[in-house]
Amino acid sequence: MTPWLSFTGCGALVAIAVQCLAIVAPVQASPDNGRVEITGDYRYAFHQPETLTEAKQHACAQALHLAVSNSEAVKERTATLVDSPFFHRLVHTLATQHVSDQQVVQQSEQGRTVYCKVKALFQTDAVEQVLLAQTVSGIDQALDQNRTLRILNAHEETDGSLVVTYQALKRLDWLGTAYQGGLRESADVMVDFYDEQGVLVRSSRHPARKTATGDDVMNPGEVGTLRIAKPQNAKSYRVWVVK
């Protein structure tokens, strides 16, 4: 059953999308109750219709994701891990649930290329717990999924927008061309907003593409994000996929 979620008025910057240059320089601070300081930076070239603000948010979000994945605690415990989708899900859980005190250290822009460097405190004790939980469960914690797409996370950003993170389970292709190995697949993310009385305010369908610029192909295991403006009178939401 797809859970109903209420807006909390805050959220972690997490988005995962590739196809751009990344430079990461993790720095480990002295442990404080299992917490260490991590840093990461990311350079991102964006295109229309993505805005400069969205590009900056994406660069900072990816910088945080890379800072977590390149931390000593994660690298030590995943050195022999060969399951790339599993690794991405592990890092996603850690970055969204076990990072605090996030700060933007440096930001810059040159033409259509933006740069962001972030630092945060990472709860290293959680790595073993999350790794064990995901291994033992054998399944992923997800808001909803069908045969082609899994909804990993949904949260409200400080600007009031709803950010949805999802993962392709099959090769998603909007090109409309045949390829070896099967038929063309595509998927959509459904979002319903409700007011204080639980009355539906708006329902919308969004193509699940890898980036805001609309990349035409997502391979199995790849993760994408979607940013949706929240109606002013919306008090709760439901993110789901058509079965």
Foldseek 3Di string as FASTA:
>chain_A
DFDWFFADLAFALAWDFDDADFDFDFDFDDDDQQKTKTKTKGKDFDDPPDDPVNRQSNRLNVRLLVRQCPDPLNCVVCVPPPPLLVSSLLSRCQSGPFKDDKDWPDWDDDDRMIMTMIMIMGRSVCSVVSVVVCVVVVDADFSEDDQFKTWRDWHAHNVQKIKTKMFTQAKAFPPCDDDPDDDHHWWWKWKWFAAPVRHTDDIDIGTQAAEPVRDGIDHGSRMHMDIGHDDPRTGIMTIYTDD
